[in-house]
C-alpha cells in the first residue's frame, strides 16, 4: 500500500511540475512575443523600382494590391509622379505614424531631388493611424490640404466603418492618381448620416489598457496557482506519521 501511495504522489508531483513549467513558458513567451511585432524603419529594406505597395500589416488582398500597383506604375510612366503605400502592424515604442513616415521617406529618398516627385502614405493597423508626406514637385497638384484629406478622410472613413482596408486603399489610390494626373479632385467619400464618425477601432490607449489587463489577470492566476502547488508539494514530501 505504501508503495502504491508513493507512486501516486510521485505522479502528482510530476504533473504539478509540468503545469508550473508550462505556466512559466507561456508567460515568458507572451512577454517577448509582443515587441517582436513592432516595426521600425530600420527593418524595412531599401526601395526597389517595382515596389508600390508594401503591405507589412497584411490587410490588402493580392488582387487589390495588384490593381493599386498597376495604377501607380502607370501614373509614374505618364507623369513622373510616384506614390507608395505602406502598412505596418505596430510601430516601435515612442514612434508615431508621422515620425515613422518622415524617417521612411528620408531613408528611401535621401535627397531633395529624389524626394521631389514622391508621395508616401503609411498606416499603422493597430491604431489605424495614418500619415502622408509629399515632395516639393508634387505639392502644386497634391496640396497639403488634399493630402491631409486623403489620409484622414479617404482612408479613415472606410476603416471607421468596419475596418474596410481594401476599400480604403482603392479609394485613396483612385483619388491620388486623379489629382496627380491633373484631373479634378474627386474629394473625400460622402459620409451618410448614420455613419459612426467617432471611430469603431481601438485607439492606442485602449489597446495598451487591454494588454495591461490581460497581464494582470495572468499574473494573478500565476500568483494563486504557484504558491498552492508549492505548498502541496511540500505537504506530500513530509515524512509520514506512520514512520
Foldseek 3Di string as FASTA:
>chain_A
DVVVVVVVLVVVLVVLVVVLVVLVVVVVCVVPVVQVQADALVVDDADDPQAAEAEQVPQADPVLNVVLSVLQVVLCVVQVAHEHEYEGAHHHPPDDQANRQVVNLCRRQVDLVSQARYKYWYAHVQARQIDIDGHVNQCVQCPPVNRVCLSCALQVQVCQVPHNRSNSVVSSSVQSSCSSVVHDRPGGDDDDPPRDPVGDHDHPVRVVVVVVVVVVVSVVVSVVSVVVSVVVSVVVPDDDPVD
